Amino acid sequence: MNNRKLILAAFILVALAQLYVPTKMILDRENVLANGIELKFRTAPIDPNDPFRGKYINLQYENTLTEIQSAEAWLRDEDIYVILTKDEHGFATIASVSKTKPADELAFVKAKVKFRSTDRKVIFEYPFDRYYMEESKAYEAEQIYRQSLPDTNQKTYALVKIKDGKAVLKDVLINEISIRDIVNREREKNK
């Protein structure tokens, strides 16, 4: 009988503690809202950040839309292979896309389908759309990159190495100059 009373008393104490903690948290916050001093804090612009991999420049590419040859179903997030060639200026162009890994193609990259339109076109996403940088320089690089995009006099591109369907983003260049070097020059100029 004593054992049963002890268990009941312990249960009531635990239940009260479980009610007390959240009630105290709510009342503390309500007290701050009712009686606290109101201040304004300036916010900073958001730059891309991956908490596990760091800061980066978010890249978008011109050639991510292609016409599909066959009527087979292309599903969102499906892996595809983009076979690439070079144009007369050395820029990558899409030769074709395939659902199967090419056997003898020199330049192809594995990508993902983003969208398939009804007029037999596929929009896909390259796996190299993030250029990671040193944390202190990433925001400046992102701003410089975004400012260069609408300017048709600026030649902005990503330098990517491709082998066996795998791609490594080597650098981002604006008018043949690395974005890292441009950021360093801007910092030196502003000292």
C-alpha atoms as a PDB file:
ATOM      1  CA  MET A   1       0.000   0.000   0.000  1.00  0.00           C
ATOM      2  CA  ASN A   2       2.837   2.413   0.877  1.00  0.00           C
ATOM      3  CA  ASN A   3       4.547   1.565  -2.383  1.00  0.00           C
ATOM      4  CA  ARG A   4       1.400   2.469  -4.335  1.00  0.00           C
ATOM      5  CA  LYS A   5       1.123   5.868  -2.562  1.00  0.00           C
ATOM      6  CA  LEU A   6       4.762   6.601  -3.298  1.00  0.00           C
ATOM      7  CA  ILE A   7       4.315   5.829  -7.009  1.00  0.00           C
ATOM      8  CA  LEU A   8       1.178   8.013  -7.154  1.00  0.00           C
ATOM      9  CA  ALA A   9       2.990  10.931  -5.446  1.00  0.00           C
ATOM     10  CA  ALA A  10       5.941  10.592  -7.869  1.00  0.00           C
ATOM     11  CA  PHE A  11       3.547  10.531 -10.833  1.00  0.00           C
ATOM     12  CA  ILE A  12       1.801  13.714  -9.660  1.00  0.00           C
ATOM     13  CA  LEU A  13       5.154  15.491  -9.165  1.00  0.00           C
ATOM     14  CA  VAL A  14       6.352  14.508 -12.658  1.00  0.00           C
ATOM     15  CA  ALA A  15       3.032  15.626 -14.193  1.00  0.00           C
ATOM     16  CA  LEU A  16       3.216  18.993 -12.408  1.00  0.00           C
ATOM     17  CA  ALA A  17       6.829  19.488 -13.525  1.00  0.00           C
ATOM     18  CA  GLN A  18       5.824  18.757 -17.126  1.00  0.00           C
ATOM     19  CA  LEU A  19       3.108  21.385 -16.910  1.00  0.00           C
ATOM     20  CA  TYR A  20       5.294  23.928 -15.079  1.00  0.00           C
ATOM     21  CA  VAL A  21       8.179  24.048 -17.590  1.00  0.00           C
ATOM     22  CA  PRO A  22       6.192  24.982 -20.749  1.00  0.00           C
ATOM     23  CA  THR A  23       3.901  27.313 -18.765  1.00  0.00           C
ATOM     24  CA  LYS A  24       6.948  29.162 -17.365  1.00  0.00           C
ATOM     25  CA  MET A  25       8.471  29.482 -20.870  1.00  0.00           C
ATOM     26  CA  ILE A  26       5.237  30.926 -22.286  1.00  0.00           C
ATOM     27  CA  LEU A  27       4.741  33.347 -19.377  1.00  0.00           C
ATOM     28  CA  ASP A  28       8.379  34.567 -19.610  1.00  0.00           C
ATOM     29  CA  ARG A  29       7.954  35.380 -23.318  1.00  0.00           C
ATOM     30  CA  GLU A  30       4.596  37.067 -22.722  1.00  0.00           C
ATOM     31  CA  ASN A  31       6.204  39.183 -19.982  1.00  0.00           C
ATOM     32  CA  VAL A  32       8.948  40.325 -22.372  1.00  0.00           C
ATOM     33  CA  LEU A  33       6.352  41.201 -25.046  1.00  0.00           C
ATOM     34  CA  ALA A  34       4.250  43.195 -22.573  1.00  0.00           C
ATOM     35  CA  ASN A  35       7.011  44.962 -20.621  1.00  0.00           C
ATOM     36  CA  GLY A  36      10.183  44.846 -22.751  1.00  0.00           C
ATOM     37  CA  ILE A  37      11.964  47.723 -24.577  1.00  0.00           C
ATOM     38  CA  GLU A  38      11.376  47.773 -28.364  1.00  0.00           C
ATOM     39  CA  LEU A  39      14.533  48.080 -30.517  1.00  0.00           C
ATOM     40  CA  LYS A  40      15.176  47.883 -34.287  1.00  0.00           C
ATOM     41  CA  PHE A  41      18.030  45.776 -35.659  1.00  0.00           C
ATOM     42  CA  ARG A  42      19.400  46.179 -39.214  1.00  0.00           C
ATOM     43  CA  THR A  43      19.326  43.016 -41.272  1.00  0.00           C
ATOM     44  CA  ALA A  44      22.003  41.911 -43.722  1.00  0.00           C
ATOM     45  CA  PRO A  45      21.301  40.666 -47.227  1.00  0.00           C
ATOM     46  CA  ILE A  46      21.121  36.910 -47.479  1.00  0.00           C
ATOM     47  CA  ASP A  47      23.847  35.165 -49.424  1.00  0.00           C
ATOM     48  CA  PRO A  48      23.674  31.484 -50.303  1.00  0.00           C
ATOM     49  CA  ASN A  49      24.898  29.246 -47.523  1.00  0.00           C
ATOM     50  CA  ASP A  50      24.924  25.517 -46.993  1.00  0.00           C
ATOM     51  CA  PRO A  51      25.416  24.812 -43.272  1.00  0.00           C
ATOM     52  CA  PHE A  52      27.363  21.637 -44.040  1.00  0.00           C
ATOM     53  CA  ARG A  53      29.454  22.816 -47.004  1.00  0.00           C
ATOM     54  CA  GLY A  54      29.795  26.592 -46.612  1.00  0.00           C
ATOM     55  CA  LYS A  55      29.147  29.735 -48.678  1.00  0.00           C
ATOM     56  CA  TYR A  56      28.716  29.628 -52.442  1.00  0.00           C
ATOM     57  CA  ILE A  57      27.727  31.483 -55.605  1.00  0.00           C
ATOM     58  CA  ASN A  58      24.459  30.186 -57.023  1.00  0.00           C
ATOM     59  CA  LEU A  59      24.992  29.637 -60.768  1.00  0.00           C
ATOM     60  CA  GLN A  60      22.374  29.430 -63.495  1.00  0.00           C
ATOM     61  CA  TYR A  61      23.176  28.280 -67.007  1.00  0.00           C
ATOM     62  CA  GLU A  62      21.783  29.300 -70.383  1.00  0.00           C
ATOM     63  CA  ASN A  63      21.728  25.869 -71.989  1.00  0.00           C
ATOM     64  CA  THR A  64      19.481  23.827 -69.712  1.00  0.00           C
ATOM     65  CA  LEU A  65      16.600  23.393 -72.152  1.00  0.00           C
ATOM     66  CA  THR A  66      16.636  20.865 -74.957  1.00  0.00           C
ATOM     67  CA  GLU A  67      14.216  19.195 -77.298  1.00  0.00           C
ATOM     68  CA  ILE A  68      13.716  15.477 -76.748  1.00  0.00           C
ATOM     69  CA  GLN A  69      13.821  13.086 -79.690  1.00  0.00           C
ATOM     70  CA  SER A  70      11.657  10.273 -78.373  1.00  0.00           C
ATOM     71  CA  ALA A  71       8.197  10.222 -76.851  1.00  0.00           C
ATOM     72  CA  GLU A  72       9.245   8.277 -73.754  1.00  0.00           C
ATOM     73  CA  ALA A  73       8.265   9.701 -70.381  1.00  0.00           C
ATOM     74  CA  TRP A  74      10.776  11.998 -68.729  1.00  0.00           C
ATOM     75  CA  LEU A  75      10.145  12.314 -65.009  1.00  0.00           C
ATOM     76  CA  ARG A  76      11.085  15.125 -62.623  1.00  0.00           C
ATOM     77  CA  ASP A  77      14.333  14.435 -60.678  1.00  0.00           C
ATOM     78  CA  GLU A  78      15.147  11.564 -63.034  1.00  0.00           C
ATOM     79  CA  ASP A  79      18.842  11.108 -63.864  1.00  0.00           C
ATOM     80  CA  ILE A  80      19.727  11.843 -67.484  1.00  0.00           C
ATOM     81  CA  TYR A  81      22.940  12.167 -69.466  1.00  0.00           C
ATOM     82  CA  VAL A  82      23.664  15.374 -71.372  1.00  0.00           C
ATOM     83  CA  ILE A  83      26.054  14.848 -74.288  1.00  0.00           C
ATOM     84  CA  LEU A  84      28.051  18.023 -74.911  1.00  0.00           C
ATOM     85  CA  THR A  85      30.079  19.527 -77.748  1.00  0.00           C
ATOM     86  CA  LYS A  86      31.960  22.829 -78.123  1.00  0.00           C
ATOM     87  CA  ASP A  87      30.805  25.710 -80.293  1.00  0.00           C
ATOM     88  CA  GLU A  88      33.175  27.882 -82.380  1.00  0.00           C
ATOM     89  CA  HIS A  89      33.941  30.028 -79.295  1.00  0.00           C
ATOM     90  CA  GLY A  90      34.762  27.048 -77.058  1.00  0.00           C
ATOM     91  CA  PHE A  91      31.514  27.091 -75.066  1.00  0.00           C
ATOM     92  CA  ALA A  92      29.622  23.892 -74.281  1.00  0.00           C
ATOM     93  CA  THR A  93      26.499  23.181 -76.306  1.00  0.00           C
ATOM     94  CA  ILE A  94      24.053  20.323 -75.971  1.00  0.00           C
ATOM     95  CA  ALA A  95      24.391  17.666 -78.652  1.00  0.00           C
ATOM     96  CA  SER A  96      21.675  15.432 -77.177  1.00  0.00           C
ATOM     97  CA  VAL A  97      20.242  13.971 -73.977  1.00  0.00           C
ATOM     98  CA  SER A  98      19.795  10.335 -73.079  1.00  0.00           C
ATOM     99  CA  LYS A  99      18.349   8.221 -70.309  1.00  0.00           C
ATOM    100  CA  THR A 100      21.178   5.722 -70.683  1.00  0.00           C
ATOM    101  CA  LYS A 101      24.847   6.347 -70.051  1.00  0.00           C
ATOM    102  CA  PRO A 102      26.688   6.966 -73.337  1.00  0.00           C
ATOM    103  CA  ALA A 103      29.279   4.354 -74.209  1.00  0.00           C
ATOM    104  CA  ASP A 104      31.904   6.229 -76.200  1.00  0.00           C
ATOM    105  CA  GLU A 105      31.089   9.907 -75.785  1.00  0.00           C
ATOM    106  CA  LEU A 106      34.012  12.042 -74.647  1.00  0.00           C
ATOM    107  CA  ALA A 107      32.028  14.837 -73.021  1.00  0.00           C
ATOM    108  CA  PHE A 108      28.838  13.992 -71.172  1.00  0.00           C
ATOM    109  CA  VAL A 109      27.528  14.839 -67.748  1.00  0.00           C
ATOM    110  CA  LYS A 110      24.911  13.288 -65.507  1.00  0.00           C
ATOM    111  CA  ALA A 111      22.095  15.771 -64.784  1.00  0.00           C
ATOM    112  CA  LYS A 112      18.550  15.781 -63.380  1.00  0.00           C
ATOM    113  CA  VAL A 113      15.264  16.546 -65.127  1.00  0.00           C
ATOM    114  CA  LYS A 114      13.600  19.626 -63.634  1.00  0.00           C
ATOM    115  CA  PHE A 115      10.609  19.892 -65.952  1.00  0.00           C
ATOM    116  CA  ARG A 116       9.180  18.371 -69.141  1.00  0.00           C
ATOM    117  CA  SER A 117       6.926  20.566 -71.231  1.00  0.00           C
ATOM    118  CA  THR A 118       4.135  19.324 -73.471  1.00  0.00           C
ATOM    119  CA  ASP A 119       5.969  20.468 -76.620  1.00  0.00           C
ATOM    120  CA  ARG A 120       8.680  17.782 -76.239  1.00  0.00           C
ATOM    121  CA  LYS A 121      11.216  19.904 -74.381  1.00  0.00           C
ATOM    122  CA  VAL A 122      13.093  19.064 -71.199  1.00  0.00           C
ATOM    123  CA  ILE A 123      14.559  21.510 -68.701  1.00  0.00           C
ATOM    124  CA  PHE A 124      17.337  19.939 -66.669  1.00  0.00           C
ATOM    125  CA  GLU A 125      19.698  20.894 -63.862  1.00  0.00           C
ATOM    126  CA  TYR A 126      23.452  20.488 -64.007  1.00  0.00           C
ATOM    127  CA  PRO A 127      25.108  19.098 -60.844  1.00  0.00           C
ATOM    128  CA  PHE A 128      27.520  22.049 -60.703  1.00  0.00           C
ATOM    129  CA  ASP A 129      25.229  24.976 -59.896  1.00  0.00           C
ATOM    130  CA  ARG A 130      27.065  26.004 -56.718  1.00  0.00           C
ATOM    131  CA  TYR A 131      30.540  27.498 -56.648  1.00  0.00           C
ATOM    132  CA  TYR A 132      31.850  27.275 -53.080  1.00  0.00           C
ATOM    133  CA  MET A 133      34.208  29.954 -51.859  1.00  0.00           C
ATOM    134  CA  GLU A 134      35.989  31.165 -48.782  1.00  0.00           C
ATOM    135  CA  GLU A 135      33.281  32.393 -46.423  1.00  0.00           C
ATOM    136  CA  SER A 136      34.561  35.967 -46.182  1.00  0.00           C
ATOM    137  CA  LYS A 137      34.593  36.412 -49.990  1.00  0.00           C
ATOM    138  CA  ALA A 138      31.440  34.565 -51.078  1.00  0.00           C
ATOM    139  CA  TYR A 139      28.990  37.443 -50.621  1.00  0.00           C
ATOM    140  CA  GLU A 140      31.146  39.884 -52.610  1.00  0.00           C
ATOM    141  CA  ALA A 141      31.639  37.285 -55.336  1.00  0.00           C
ATOM    142  CA  GLU A 142      27.884  36.657 -55.522  1.00  0.00           C
ATOM    143  CA  GLN A 143      27.251  40.418 -55.947  1.00  0.00           C
ATOM    144  CA  ILE A 144      29.914  40.775 -58.654  1.00  0.00           C
ATOM    145  CA  TYR A 145      28.561  37.702 -60.455  1.00  0.00           C
ATOM    146  CA  ARG A 146      24.949  38.976 -60.363  1.00  0.00           C
ATOM    147  CA  GLN A 147      25.995  42.430 -61.615  1.00  0.00           C
ATOM    148  CA  SER A 148      27.845  40.903 -64.563  1.00  0.00           C
ATOM    149  CA  LEU A 149      24.918  38.773 -65.797  1.00  0.00           C
ATOM    150  CA  PRO A 150      22.658  41.469 -67.315  1.00  0.00           C
ATOM    151  CA  ASP A 151      25.627  43.258 -68.919  1.00  0.00           C
ATOM    152  CA  THR A 152      25.961  41.787 -72.429  1.00  0.00           C
ATOM    153  CA  ASN A 153      29.502  43.203 -72.714  1.00  0.00           C
ATOM    154  CA  GLN A 154      30.616  40.933 -69.862  1.00  0.00           C
ATOM    155  CA  LYS A 155      31.491  37.349 -70.746  1.00  0.00           C
ATOM    156  CA  THR A 156      30.601  35.362 -67.612  1.00  0.00           C
ATOM    157  CA  TYR A 157      31.019  31.604 -67.556  1.00  0.00           C
ATOM    158  CA  ALA A 158      31.871  28.593 -65.418  1.00  0.00           C
ATOM    159  CA  LEU A 159      34.938  26.517 -66.173  1.00  0.00           C
ATOM    160  CA  VAL A 160      34.002  22.868 -65.634  1.00  0.00           C
ATOM    161  CA  LYS A 161      36.065  19.694 -65.951  1.00  0.00           C
ATOM    162  CA  ILE A 162      34.110  16.625 -67.108  1.00  0.00           C
ATOM    163  CA  LYS A 163      35.108  12.961 -67.120  1.00  0.00           C
ATOM    164  CA  ASP A 164      32.946   9.829 -67.350  1.00  0.00           C
ATOM    165  CA  GLY A 165      29.763  11.765 -66.611  1.00  0.00           C
ATOM    166  CA  LYS A 166      31.195  13.439 -63.530  1.00  0.00           C
ATOM    167  CA  ALA A 167      31.752  17.190 -63.447  1.00  0.00           C
ATOM    168  CA  VAL A 168      33.908  19.438 -61.266  1.00  0.00           C
ATOM    169  CA  LEU A 169      33.365  23.187 -61.279  1.00  0.00           C
ATOM    170  CA  LYS A 170      36.900  24.542 -61.515  1.00  0.00           C
ATOM    171  CA  ASP A 171      36.277  28.295 -61.584  1.00  0.00           C
ATOM    172  CA  VAL A 172      33.861  31.098 -62.453  1.00  0.00           C
ATOM    173  CA  LEU A 173      35.286  33.689 -64.834  1.00  0.00           C
ATOM    174  CA  ILE A 174      34.192  37.156 -65.905  1.00  0.00           C
ATOM    175  CA  ASN A 175      35.978  38.391 -69.048  1.00  0.00           C
ATOM    176  CA  GLU A 176      38.593  35.638 -68.653  1.00  0.00           C
ATOM    177  CA  ILE A 177      39.409  36.680 -65.047  1.00  0.00           C
ATOM    178  CA  SER A 178      38.696  34.411 -62.076  1.00  0.00           C
ATOM    179  CA  ILE A 179      35.960  35.641 -59.735  1.00  0.00           C
ATOM    180  CA  ARG A 180      38.422  35.094 -56.863  1.00  0.00           C
ATOM    181  CA  ASP A 181      40.898  37.503 -58.464  1.00  0.00           C
ATOM    182  CA  ILE A 182      38.159  40.073 -59.102  1.00  0.00           C
ATOM    183  CA  VAL A 183      37.105  39.964 -55.438  1.00  0.00           C
ATOM    184  CA  ASN A 184      40.740  40.352 -54.332  1.00  0.00           C
ATOM    185  CA  ARG A 185      41.202  43.355 -56.675  1.00  0.00           C
ATOM    186  CA  GLU A 186      38.013  45.001 -55.372  1.00  0.00           C
ATOM    187  CA  ARG A 187      39.203  44.534 -51.797  1.00  0.00           C
ATOM    188  CA  GLU A 188      42.595  46.071 -52.600  1.00  0.00           C
ATOM    189  CA  LYS A 189      40.903  48.995 -54.343  1.00  0.00           C
ATOM    190  CA  ASN A 190      38.645  49.651 -51.334  1.00  0.00           C
ATOM    191  CA  LYS A 191      41.443  49.609 -48.733  1.00  0.00           C
END
